[in-house]
Amino acid sequence: MLKNKDWKKIDGEICRVISFTPLSSSGNNLLPYASVVLECNKLPMEITGFITHKVDFHNLSEAFRKRVADQEILILWSKKQLKSYAKVFSIFMPRLWVMICKKGAYKMITDINYMPELEGLDRWNTEKPIIDWKPKVMK
């Protein structure tokens, strides 16, 4: 997934980042900043996406620097979640909400039958991000 039309397949979906590979930090317009391998329930297999926005790259880099062994990184790519004023300039806006969560949060968020004994606040406390980077242009 390179262009917005490719990413649109997962607009608003939570995905787990399996790997993150920086490619260029120079801001060279010819190369993406990084690639990510994602697991998304909406897609039948793992998929590779390319990070082309500087803010999205910075936020993912920070998440991978801060993450520890018992945590996972989740992202939500969205054009729909942009605030109304940002939609006019959407082509230039960051689109990734990056989250560090407890390991297993992705499964819990995407499968309501996973650990059904956890309900309400207990479930939320297991799913919620430990830390997140949400662009200011997102709702």
C-alpha atoms as a PDB file:
ATOM      1  CA  MET A   1       0.000   0.000   0.000  1.00  0.00           C
ATOM      2  CA  LEU A   2       1.618   3.184  -1.162  1.00  0.00           C
ATOM      3  CA  LYS A   3      -1.020   5.693  -2.169  1.00  0.00           C
ATOM      4  CA  ASN A   4      -4.113   6.851  -0.272  1.00  0.00           C
ATOM      5  CA  LYS A   5      -6.357   4.778  -2.553  1.00  0.00           C
ATOM      6  CA  ASP A   6      -4.442   1.672  -1.403  1.00  0.00           C
ATOM      7  CA  TRP A   7      -4.681   2.583   2.282  1.00  0.00           C
ATOM      8  CA  LYS A   8      -8.390   3.372   1.891  1.00  0.00           C
ATOM      9  CA  LYS A   9      -9.095  -0.394   2.156  1.00  0.00           C
ATOM     10  CA  ILE A  10      -8.365  -0.165   5.882  1.00  0.00           C
ATOM     11  CA  ASP A  11      -9.713   3.336   6.622  1.00  0.00           C
ATOM     12  CA  GLY A  12     -10.737   3.388  10.278  1.00  0.00           C
ATOM     13  CA  GLU A  13      -9.567  -0.171  10.998  1.00  0.00           C
ATOM     14  CA  ILE A  14      -7.191  -1.020  13.846  1.00  0.00           C
ATOM     15  CA  CYS A  15      -4.120  -2.872  12.553  1.00  0.00           C
ATOM     16  CA  ARG A  16      -1.182  -4.445  14.365  1.00  0.00           C
ATOM     17  CA  VAL A  17       2.264  -3.437  13.165  1.00  0.00           C
ATOM     18  CA  ILE A  18       4.330  -6.586  12.749  1.00  0.00           C
ATOM     19  CA  SER A  19       7.465  -4.845  11.504  1.00  0.00           C
ATOM     20  CA  PHE A  20       8.721  -1.336  10.815  1.00  0.00           C
ATOM     21  CA  THR A  21      11.619  -0.670   8.457  1.00  0.00           C
ATOM     22  CA  PRO A  22      12.931   2.889   8.036  1.00  0.00           C
ATOM     23  CA  LEU A  23      13.919   3.544   4.427  1.00  0.00           C
ATOM     24  CA  SER A  24      14.746   7.244   4.264  1.00  0.00           C
ATOM     25  CA  SER A  25      14.753   9.983   6.857  1.00  0.00           C
ATOM     26  CA  SER A  26      16.022  12.673   4.511  1.00  0.00           C
ATOM     27  CA  GLY A  27      12.618  13.752   3.276  1.00  0.00           C
ATOM     28  CA  ASN A  28      13.480  12.667  -0.262  1.00  0.00           C
ATOM     29  CA  ASN A  29      10.194  12.885  -2.193  1.00  0.00           C
ATOM     30  CA  LEU A  30      11.133   9.880  -4.306  1.00  0.00           C
ATOM     31  CA  LEU A  31      11.307   7.382  -1.445  1.00  0.00           C
ATOM     32  CA  PRO A  32       8.856   6.561   1.333  1.00  0.00           C
ATOM     33  CA  TYR A  33      10.138   7.149   4.872  1.00  0.00           C
ATOM     34  CA  ALA A  34       9.483   3.552   5.919  1.00  0.00           C
ATOM     35  CA  SER A  35       7.642   0.329   5.273  1.00  0.00           C
ATOM     36  CA  VAL A  36       5.365  -1.473   7.700  1.00  0.00           C
ATOM     37  CA  VAL A  37       4.023  -5.001   7.655  1.00  0.00           C
ATOM     38  CA  LEU A  38       0.499  -5.031   9.061  1.00  0.00           C
ATOM     39  CA  GLU A  39      -2.044  -7.508  10.329  1.00  0.00           C
ATOM     40  CA  CYS A  40      -5.581  -6.241   9.754  1.00  0.00           C
ATOM     41  CA  ASN A  41      -8.762  -8.233  10.298  1.00  0.00           C
ATOM     42  CA  LYS A  42     -10.262  -6.682   7.177  1.00  0.00           C
ATOM     43  CA  LEU A  43      -7.525  -8.204   4.980  1.00  0.00           C
ATOM     44  CA  PRO A  44      -6.967 -11.937   4.417  1.00  0.00           C
ATOM     45  CA  MET A  45      -3.186 -11.796   4.905  1.00  0.00           C
ATOM     46  CA  GLU A  46      -0.397  -9.593   6.168  1.00  0.00           C
ATOM     47  CA  ILE A  47       0.174  -6.560   3.979  1.00  0.00           C
ATOM     48  CA  THR A  48       3.036  -4.136   3.466  1.00  0.00           C
ATOM     49  CA  GLY A  49       2.335  -0.425   3.570  1.00  0.00           C
ATOM     50  CA  PHE A  50       4.640   2.493   2.938  1.00  0.00           C
ATOM     51  CA  ILE A  51       4.829   5.529   5.192  1.00  0.00           C
ATOM     52  CA  THR A  52       5.053   8.704   3.116  1.00  0.00           C
ATOM     53  CA  HIS A  53       4.188  11.439   5.631  1.00  0.00           C
ATOM     54  CA  LYS A  54       6.914  12.839   7.882  1.00  0.00           C
ATOM     55  CA  VAL A  55       4.677  13.109  10.976  1.00  0.00           C
ATOM     56  CA  ASP A  56       3.449   9.527  10.573  1.00  0.00           C
ATOM     57  CA  PHE A  57       7.062   8.359  10.230  1.00  0.00           C
ATOM     58  CA  HIS A  58       8.156  10.307  13.306  1.00  0.00           C
ATOM     59  CA  ASN A  59       5.287   8.923  15.403  1.00  0.00           C
ATOM     60  CA  LEU A  60       5.963   5.323  14.357  1.00  0.00           C
ATOM     61  CA  SER A  61       9.680   5.779  15.034  1.00  0.00           C
ATOM     62  CA  GLU A  62       8.914   7.081  18.517  1.00  0.00           C
ATOM     63  CA  ALA A  63       6.574   4.181  19.210  1.00  0.00           C
ATOM     64  CA  PHE A  64       9.208   1.640  18.219  1.00  0.00           C
ATOM     65  CA  ARG A  65      11.809   3.409  20.376  1.00  0.00           C
ATOM     66  CA  LYS A  66       9.531   3.410  23.435  1.00  0.00           C
ATOM     67  CA  ARG A  67       7.909  -0.026  23.085  1.00  0.00           C
ATOM     68  CA  VAL A  68       9.042  -2.803  25.413  1.00  0.00           C
ATOM     69  CA  ALA A  69       8.811  -6.594  25.077  1.00  0.00           C
ATOM     70  CA  ASP A  70       5.296  -7.081  26.469  1.00  0.00           C
ATOM     71  CA  GLN A  71       3.741  -4.418  24.239  1.00  0.00           C
ATOM     72  CA  GLU A  72       2.512  -4.167  20.654  1.00  0.00           C
ATOM     73  CA  ILE A  73       2.051  -1.272  18.283  1.00  0.00           C
ATOM     74  CA  LEU A  74      -1.338  -0.661  16.752  1.00  0.00           C
ATOM     75  CA  ILE A  75      -2.234   1.895  14.104  1.00  0.00           C
ATOM     76  CA  LEU A  76      -5.395   3.330  12.692  1.00  0.00           C
ATOM     77  CA  TRP A  77      -5.107   4.930   9.233  1.00  0.00           C
ATOM     78  CA  SER A  78      -7.951   7.262   8.433  1.00  0.00           C
ATOM     79  CA  LYS A  79      -9.009   9.959   6.064  1.00  0.00           C
ATOM     80  CA  LYS A  80     -12.560   9.839   7.460  1.00  0.00           C
ATOM     81  CA  GLN A  81     -11.325  10.837  10.934  1.00  0.00           C
ATOM     82  CA  LEU A  82      -9.810  14.117   9.753  1.00  0.00           C
ATOM     83  CA  LYS A  83     -11.397  17.245  11.214  1.00  0.00           C
ATOM     84  CA  SER A  84     -13.498  19.191   8.706  1.00  0.00           C
ATOM     85  CA  TYR A  85     -10.913  21.945   8.136  1.00  0.00           C
ATOM     86  CA  ALA A  86      -8.204  19.320   7.479  1.00  0.00           C
ATOM     87  CA  LYS A  87     -10.246  17.456   4.863  1.00  0.00           C
ATOM     88  CA  VAL A  88      -9.760  20.335   2.405  1.00  0.00           C
ATOM     89  CA  PHE A  89      -5.996  19.746   2.577  1.00  0.00           C
ATOM     90  CA  SER A  90      -6.198  16.011   3.213  1.00  0.00           C
ATOM     91  CA  ILE A  91      -3.514  15.132   0.689  1.00  0.00           C
ATOM     92  CA  PHE A  92      -0.974  16.924   2.910  1.00  0.00           C
ATOM     93  CA  MET A  93      -2.226  15.666   6.290  1.00  0.00           C
ATOM     94  CA  PRO A  94      -0.889  12.844   8.489  1.00  0.00           C
ATOM     95  CA  ARG A  95      -3.262   9.903   8.701  1.00  0.00           C
ATOM     96  CA  LEU A  96      -1.864   7.491  11.292  1.00  0.00           C
ATOM     97  CA  TRP A  97      -2.962   7.263  14.892  1.00  0.00           C
ATOM     98  CA  VAL A  98      -0.135   5.262  16.469  1.00  0.00           C
ATOM     99  CA  MET A  99      -0.636   3.432  19.778  1.00  0.00           C
ATOM    100  CA  ILE A 100       1.483   1.332  22.103  1.00  0.00           C
ATOM    101  CA  CYS A 101      -0.735  -1.212  23.842  1.00  0.00           C
ATOM    102  CA  LYS A 102      -0.338  -4.263  26.042  1.00  0.00           C
ATOM    103  CA  LYS A 103       0.443  -7.428  24.086  1.00  0.00           C
ATOM    104  CA  GLY A 104      -2.855  -9.062  23.126  1.00  0.00           C
ATOM    105  CA  ALA A 105      -4.790  -5.792  22.852  1.00  0.00           C
ATOM    106  CA  TYR A 106      -5.156  -6.163  19.079  1.00  0.00           C
ATOM    107  CA  LYS A 107      -6.768  -9.587  19.444  1.00  0.00           C
ATOM    108  CA  MET A 108      -9.026  -8.290  22.197  1.00  0.00           C
ATOM    109  CA  ILE A 109     -10.121  -5.245  20.151  1.00  0.00           C
ATOM    110  CA  THR A 110     -10.779  -7.181  16.962  1.00  0.00           C
ATOM    111  CA  ASP A 111     -12.304 -10.391  18.396  1.00  0.00           C
ATOM    112  CA  ILE A 112     -15.163  -9.970  20.874  1.00  0.00           C
ATOM    113  CA  ASN A 113     -14.978 -13.707  21.639  1.00  0.00           C
ATOM    114  CA  TYR A 114     -11.365 -13.441  22.813  1.00  0.00           C
ATOM    115  CA  MET A 115     -11.174 -13.518  26.628  1.00  0.00           C
ATOM    116  CA  PRO A 116     -14.933 -13.039  27.134  1.00  0.00           C
ATOM    117  CA  GLU A 117     -14.423 -13.145  30.901  1.00  0.00           C
ATOM    118  CA  LEU A 118     -12.976  -9.624  30.678  1.00  0.00           C
ATOM    119  CA  GLU A 119     -15.838  -7.155  30.491  1.00  0.00           C
ATOM    120  CA  GLY A 120     -16.451  -3.462  30.922  1.00  0.00           C
ATOM    121  CA  LEU A 121     -13.704  -1.471  32.600  1.00  0.00           C
ATOM    122  CA  ASP A 122     -11.396  -4.486  32.949  1.00  0.00           C
ATOM    123  CA  ARG A 123     -11.592  -5.115  29.209  1.00  0.00           C
ATOM    124  CA  TRP A 124     -11.066  -1.431  28.421  1.00  0.00           C
ATOM    125  CA  ASN A 125      -8.009  -1.268  30.685  1.00  0.00           C
ATOM    126  CA  THR A 126      -6.487  -4.185  28.759  1.00  0.00           C
ATOM    127  CA  GLU A 127      -7.299  -2.693  25.336  1.00  0.00           C
ATOM    128  CA  LYS A 128      -6.539   0.986  25.878  1.00  0.00           C
ATOM    129  CA  PRO A 129      -3.287   2.512  24.646  1.00  0.00           C
ATOM    130  CA  ILE A 130      -0.470   2.940  27.131  1.00  0.00           C
ATOM    131  CA  ILE A 131       0.702   5.882  25.051  1.00  0.00           C
ATOM    132  CA  ASP A 132      -0.462   7.171  21.696  1.00  0.00           C
ATOM    133  CA  TRP A 133       0.340   9.684  18.998  1.00  0.00           C
ATOM    134  CA  LYS A 134      -2.819  11.059  17.409  1.00  0.00           C
ATOM    135  CA  PRO A 135      -2.378  13.835  14.844  1.00  0.00           C
ATOM    136  CA  LYS A 136      -4.079  17.075  15.894  1.00  0.00           C
ATOM    137  CA  VAL A 137      -5.962  17.087  12.595  1.00  0.00           C
ATOM    138  CA  MET A 138      -7.864  13.922  13.608  1.00  0.00           C
ATOM    139  CA  LYS A 139     -11.152  13.897  15.560  1.00  0.00           C
END
